[in-house]
Structures are given as C-alpha cells and as structure tokens.
Amino acid sequence: MSMEQVLQVIRPELLIVVVVCYCLGLFLKNIPHIKDWVIPFALLISSIIMCVLYIGLVIEKTWSFDIVFIGIMQGILCASVSVFGNEILKQITYKRDIDKRRS
C-alpha cells in the first residue's frame, strides 16, 4: 500500500492529527528523559485519543461502539503516517548526508 493510498483512507478532517502528532514527536524528541522508542507509542496513544474525541464530539456528535472503533483505526493510521513521514525525512536529509561523507 502506497502513502497516497493510506492518505485516501484517513478522513480528510483528521489529517490535522497527523500534523499534531509530528509536532508532538518533535517536542518529545527534545525532552532529555524521553527515550526514542517511547515516542511512537506516545504518538499512537495520543493520536487514538484525539481521533476518538474528534469523531465523537465534532463530526458525529454522538457516541457508539462504531465511533470508538473508527476513531481507533483512524488514530493508528494518523500516528503511522506521522512516524513514517518523520523517518522518510530523516532518510532523505540526515542519512543521505552521512552516505555522501562516506563516499
């Protein structure tokens, strides 16, 4: 599945959660006591919470099992796109500079 296909699965009004997760990840990365392996889990949990609340309170204005399930699925996708996007940026910039210095 390509990145374009994943972005078609995420509800357009929830794409802001991807941006918020990316910013939150950058913030957490700068806290000295937070280990790198914790960041994706923190983003996953916060993304799920944001998506469930946004879908339940703003979009649907009701609560049901369906809303919670959709929020969890959307939260997983939003966090995944955010983490994957960050990894792509690192590979394109930082890792590429390391490869140039080695050759």
N, C-alpha and C. Protein backbone atom coordinates (compact mmCIF):
# COMPACT_ATOMS: atom_id res chain seq x y z
N MET A 1 0.85 -1.18 0.00
CA MET A 1 0.00 0.00 0.00
C MET A 1 0.90 1.24 0.00
N SER A 2 0.65 2.13 -0.92
CA SER A 2 1.47 3.33 -1.03
C SER A 2 0.98 4.40 -0.06
N MET A 3 1.81 5.43 0.12
CA MET A 3 1.46 6.54 1.01
C MET A 3 0.19 7.24 0.52
N GLU A 4 0.03 7.36 -0.79
CA GLU A 4 -1.17 8.00 -1.35
C GLU A 4 -2.42 7.22 -0.99
N GLN A 5 -2.34 5.91 -1.04
CA GLN A 5 -3.49 5.08 -0.69
C GLN A 5 -3.84 5.21 0.79
N VAL A 6 -2.82 5.27 1.64
CA VAL A 6 -3.07 5.44 3.08
C VAL A 6 -3.74 6.77 3.33
N LEU A 7 -3.27 7.82 2.68
CA LEU A 7 -3.86 9.14 2.88
C LEU A 7 -5.30 9.20 2.37
N GLN A 8 -5.66 8.35 1.43
CA GLN A 8 -7.05 8.30 0.98
C GLN A 8 -7.95 7.60 1.99
N VAL A 9 -7.37 6.76 2.84
CA VAL A 9 -8.12 6.04 3.86
C VAL A 9 -8.39 6.92 5.07
N ILE A 10 -7.47 7.82 5.37
CA ILE A 10 -7.64 8.73 6.52
C ILE A 10 -8.68 9.79 6.14
N ARG A 11 -9.62 10.00 7.05
CA ARG A 11 -10.64 11.03 6.81
C ARG A 11 -9.96 12.39 6.69
N PRO A 12 -10.31 13.18 5.67
CA PRO A 12 -9.62 14.45 5.43
C PRO A 12 -9.62 15.39 6.64
N GLU A 13 -10.69 15.41 7.40
CA GLU A 13 -10.74 16.31 8.55
C GLU A 13 -9.82 15.85 9.68
N LEU A 14 -9.29 14.63 9.59
CA LEU A 14 -8.38 14.14 10.62
C LEU A 14 -6.91 14.26 10.21
N LEU A 15 -6.63 14.78 9.03
CA LEU A 15 -5.24 14.95 8.61
C LEU A 15 -4.49 15.91 9.53
N ILE A 16 -5.21 16.79 10.19
CA ILE A 16 -4.56 17.70 11.15
C ILE A 16 -3.95 16.92 12.30
N VAL A 17 -4.51 15.76 12.61
CA VAL A 17 -3.95 14.92 13.67
C VAL A 17 -2.56 14.43 13.28
N VAL A 18 -2.34 14.16 12.00
CA VAL A 18 -1.01 13.77 11.53
C VAL A 18 -0.01 14.88 11.82
N VAL A 19 -0.39 16.11 11.53
CA VAL A 19 0.49 17.26 11.76
C VAL A 19 0.73 17.45 13.26
N VAL A 20 -0.32 17.33 14.05
CA VAL A 20 -0.17 17.47 15.51
C VAL A 20 0.75 16.38 16.05
N CYS A 21 0.60 15.16 15.57
CA CYS A 21 1.48 14.07 16.01
C CYS A 21 2.93 14.33 15.63
N TYR A 22 3.15 14.84 14.43
CA TYR A 22 4.51 15.15 14.01
C TYR A 22 5.13 16.21 14.93
N CYS A 23 4.38 17.25 15.21
CA CYS A 23 4.87 18.31 16.11
C CYS A 23 5.09 17.78 17.52
N LEU A 24 4.18 16.95 18.00
CA LEU A 24 4.33 16.36 19.33
C LEU A 24 5.57 15.47 19.38
N GLY A 25 5.81 14.73 18.31
CA GLY A 25 7.01 13.90 18.24
C GLY A 25 8.29 14.72 18.30
N LEU A 26 8.32 15.85 17.59
CA LEU A 26 9.49 16.74 17.65
C LEU A 26 9.68 17.29 19.05
N PHE A 27 8.57 17.63 19.70
CA PHE A 27 8.63 18.14 21.07
C PHE A 27 9.18 17.07 22.03
N LEU A 28 8.65 15.86 21.92
CA LEU A 28 9.09 14.77 22.80
C LEU A 28 10.55 14.41 22.55
N LYS A 29 10.99 14.52 21.31
CA LYS A 29 12.39 14.21 20.96
C LYS A 29 13.36 15.13 21.69
N ASN A 30 12.93 16.35 21.99
CA ASN A 30 13.80 17.33 22.66
C ASN A 30 13.76 17.25 24.17
N ILE A 31 12.96 16.35 24.73
CA ILE A 31 12.94 16.16 26.18
C ILE A 31 13.99 15.11 26.52
N PRO A 32 14.99 15.47 27.33
CA PRO A 32 16.14 14.58 27.56
C PRO A 32 15.78 13.22 28.18
N HIS A 33 14.77 13.16 29.02
CA HIS A 33 14.47 11.92 29.74
C HIS A 33 13.59 10.96 28.94
N ILE A 34 13.12 11.39 27.78
CA ILE A 34 12.26 10.54 26.94
C ILE A 34 13.15 9.75 25.98
N LYS A 35 13.05 8.44 26.03
CA LYS A 35 13.80 7.57 25.13
C LYS A 35 13.13 7.57 23.75
N ASP A 36 13.93 7.37 22.70
CA ASP A 36 13.41 7.38 21.34
C ASP A 36 12.33 6.33 21.10
N TRP A 37 12.46 5.15 21.73
CA TRP A 37 11.50 4.09 21.48
C TRP A 37 10.13 4.39 22.09
N VAL A 38 10.05 5.34 23.02
CA VAL A 38 8.79 5.68 23.67
C VAL A 38 7.94 6.58 22.77
N ILE A 39 8.58 7.36 21.93
CA ILE A 39 7.88 8.38 21.13
C ILE A 39 6.80 7.78 20.24
N PRO A 40 7.05 6.74 19.46
CA PRO A 40 5.96 6.20 18.62
C PRO A 40 4.76 5.72 19.44
N PHE A 41 5.01 5.13 20.61
CA PHE A 41 3.90 4.68 21.45
C PHE A 41 3.11 5.86 22.02
N ALA A 42 3.81 6.91 22.41
CA ALA A 42 3.13 8.12 22.90
C ALA A 42 2.30 8.75 21.80
N LEU A 43 2.84 8.78 20.59
CA LEU A 43 2.10 9.33 19.46
C LEU A 43 0.88 8.46 19.13
N LEU A 44 1.04 7.16 19.21
CA LEU A 44 -0.08 6.26 18.93
C LEU A 44 -1.22 6.48 19.92
N ILE A 45 -0.90 6.52 21.19
CA ILE A 45 -1.93 6.70 22.22
C ILE A 45 -2.60 8.06 22.08
N SER A 46 -1.80 9.11 21.91
CA SER A 46 -2.39 10.45 21.81
C SER A 46 -3.20 10.60 20.52
N SER A 47 -2.76 9.98 19.44
CA SER A 47 -3.49 10.05 18.18
C SER A 47 -4.84 9.34 18.29
N ILE A 48 -4.86 8.19 18.92
CA ILE A 48 -6.13 7.47 19.10
C ILE A 48 -7.09 8.30 19.93
N ILE A 49 -6.60 8.88 21.01
CA ILE A 49 -7.45 9.72 21.87
C ILE A 49 -7.99 10.91 21.09
N MET A 50 -7.11 11.60 20.34
CA MET A 50 -7.56 12.76 19.57
C MET A 50 -8.60 12.37 18.53
N CYS A 51 -8.38 11.26 17.83
CA CYS A 51 -9.31 10.86 16.77
C CYS A 51 -10.66 10.43 17.34
N VAL A 52 -10.65 9.65 18.41
CA VAL A 52 -11.92 9.22 19.02
C VAL A 52 -12.70 10.44 19.50
N LEU A 53 -12.02 11.35 20.18
CA LEU A 53 -12.71 12.55 20.68
C LEU A 53 -13.21 13.43 19.54
N TYR A 54 -12.38 13.62 18.53
CA TYR A 54 -12.79 14.49 17.42
C TYR A 54 -13.97 13.90 16.67
N ILE A 55 -13.91 12.62 16.38
CA ILE A 55 -15.02 12.00 15.65
C ILE A 55 -16.29 12.01 16.51
N GLY A 56 -16.15 11.67 17.78
CA GLY A 56 -17.33 11.61 18.65
C GLY A 56 -17.93 12.96 18.98
N LEU A 57 -17.08 13.95 19.24
CA LEU A 57 -17.58 15.26 19.69
C LEU A 57 -17.85 16.24 18.56
N VAL A 58 -17.04 16.22 17.52
CA VAL A 58 -17.15 17.24 16.47
C VAL A 58 -17.89 16.72 15.24
N ILE A 59 -17.50 15.57 14.75
CA ILE A 59 -18.06 15.09 13.48
C ILE A 59 -19.44 14.45 13.68
N GLU A 60 -19.52 13.45 14.53
CA GLU A 60 -20.77 12.70 14.69
C GLU A 60 -21.67 13.24 15.80
N LYS A 61 -21.08 13.88 16.78
CA LYS A 61 -21.81 14.43 17.93
C LYS A 61 -22.63 13.37 18.67
N THR A 62 -22.09 12.17 18.71
CA THR A 62 -22.72 11.07 19.43
C THR A 62 -21.65 10.03 19.77
N TRP A 63 -22.00 9.07 20.60
CA TRP A 63 -21.07 8.01 20.97
C TRP A 63 -21.68 6.66 20.69
N SER A 64 -20.90 5.79 20.12
CA SER A 64 -21.30 4.41 19.90
C SER A 64 -20.02 3.60 19.74
N PHE A 65 -20.19 2.29 19.72
CA PHE A 65 -19.03 1.43 19.51
C PHE A 65 -18.39 1.71 18.16
N ASP A 66 -19.21 1.98 17.15
CA ASP A 66 -18.70 2.28 15.81
C ASP A 66 -17.79 3.50 15.82
N ILE A 67 -18.20 4.54 16.53
CA ILE A 67 -17.41 5.77 16.61
C ILE A 67 -16.05 5.49 17.26
N VAL A 68 -16.06 4.74 18.34
CA VAL A 68 -14.81 4.42 19.04
C VAL A 68 -13.92 3.56 18.14
N PHE A 69 -14.49 2.57 17.48
CA PHE A 69 -13.71 1.70 16.61
C PHE A 69 -13.10 2.49 15.45
N ILE A 70 -13.90 3.32 14.80
CA ILE A 70 -13.39 4.14 13.69
C ILE A 70 -12.31 5.10 14.19
N GLY A 71 -12.51 5.67 15.37
CA GLY A 71 -11.51 6.57 15.96
C GLY A 71 -10.20 5.86 16.23
N ILE A 72 -10.28 4.63 16.72
CA ILE A 72 -9.05 3.86 16.98
C ILE A 72 -8.33 3.57 15.67
N MET A 73 -9.06 3.13 14.66
CA MET A 73 -8.44 2.83 13.36
C MET A 73 -7.83 4.09 12.73
N GLN A 74 -8.55 5.20 12.78
CA GLN A 74 -8.05 6.45 12.22
C GLN A 74 -6.83 6.93 13.02
N GLY A 75 -6.86 6.76 14.34
CA GLY A 75 -5.73 7.15 15.18
C GLY A 75 -4.48 6.37 14.86
N ILE A 76 -4.64 5.06 14.63
CA ILE A 76 -3.49 4.23 14.26
C ILE A 76 -2.92 4.70 12.92
N LEU A 77 -3.79 4.97 11.96
CA LEU A 77 -3.31 5.44 10.66
C LEU A 77 -2.62 6.80 10.76
N CYS A 78 -3.20 7.72 11.52
CA CYS A 78 -2.60 9.06 11.65
C CYS A 78 -1.23 8.99 12.31
N ALA A 79 -1.10 8.21 13.38
CA ALA A 79 0.20 8.07 14.06
C ALA A 79 1.20 7.40 13.13
N SER A 80 0.76 6.40 12.38
CA SER A 80 1.66 5.69 11.47
C SER A 80 2.19 6.60 10.37
N VAL A 81 1.32 7.41 9.80
CA VAL A 81 1.75 8.34 8.75
C VAL A 81 2.72 9.36 9.33
N SER A 82 2.47 9.82 10.53
CA SER A 82 3.36 10.80 11.17
C SER A 82 4.75 10.21 11.40
N VAL A 83 4.81 9.02 11.97
CA VAL A 83 6.10 8.38 12.25
C VAL A 83 6.81 8.02 10.94
N PHE A 84 6.07 7.49 9.98
CA PHE A 84 6.66 7.13 8.69
C PHE A 84 7.18 8.38 7.97
N GLY A 85 6.41 9.47 8.02
CA GLY A 85 6.85 10.72 7.40
C GLY A 85 8.14 11.24 8.02
N ASN A 86 8.24 11.13 9.33
CA ASN A 86 9.46 11.56 10.01
C ASN A 86 10.65 10.70 9.59
N GLU A 87 10.44 9.40 9.49
CA GLU A 87 11.52 8.50 9.07
C GLU A 87 11.96 8.80 7.64
N ILE A 88 11.02 9.08 6.77
CA ILE A 88 11.36 9.42 5.38
C ILE A 88 12.20 10.70 5.35
N LEU A 89 11.78 11.71 6.12
CA LEU A 89 12.55 12.96 6.16
C LEU A 89 13.97 12.72 6.66
N LYS A 90 14.12 11.88 7.68
CA LYS A 90 15.46 11.57 8.19
C LYS A 90 16.30 10.86 7.14
N GLN A 91 15.69 9.92 6.41
CA GLN A 91 16.44 9.20 5.39
C GLN A 91 16.86 10.11 4.25
N ILE A 92 15.97 11.03 3.89
CA ILE A 92 16.27 11.92 2.77
C ILE A 92 17.34 12.94 3.14
N THR A 93 17.32 13.44 4.38
CA THR A 93 18.24 14.50 4.75
C THR A 93 19.46 13.97 5.50
N TYR A 94 19.28 13.54 6.71
CA TYR A 94 20.39 13.17 7.58
C TYR A 94 21.17 11.96 7.06
N LYS A 95 20.50 10.89 6.76
CA LYS A 95 21.19 9.67 6.31
C LYS A 95 21.86 9.87 4.96
N ARG A 96 21.28 10.70 4.14
CA ARG A 96 21.88 10.97 2.83
C ARG A 96 23.19 11.74 3.01
N ASP A 97 23.24 12.67 3.96
CA ASP A 97 24.47 13.40 4.23
C ASP A 97 25.56 12.46 4.73
N ILE A 98 25.20 11.48 5.55
CA ILE A 98 26.17 10.51 6.06
C ILE A 98 26.72 9.68 4.89
N ASP A 99 25.84 9.26 3.98
CA ASP A 99 26.28 8.47 2.82
C ASP A 99 27.22 9.28 1.93
N LYS A 100 26.97 10.56 1.77
CA LYS A 100 27.84 11.40 0.92
C LYS A 100 29.23 11.53 1.56
N ARG A 101 29.28 11.66 2.89
CA ARG A 101 30.57 11.80 3.56
C ARG A 101 31.39 10.51 3.50
N ARG A 102 30.74 9.37 3.45
CA ARG A 102 31.43 8.09 3.39
C ARG A 102 32.03 7.81 2.02
N SER A 103 31.42 8.35 0.98
CA SER A 103 31.93 8.04 -0.37
C SER A 103 32.94 9.03 -0.87
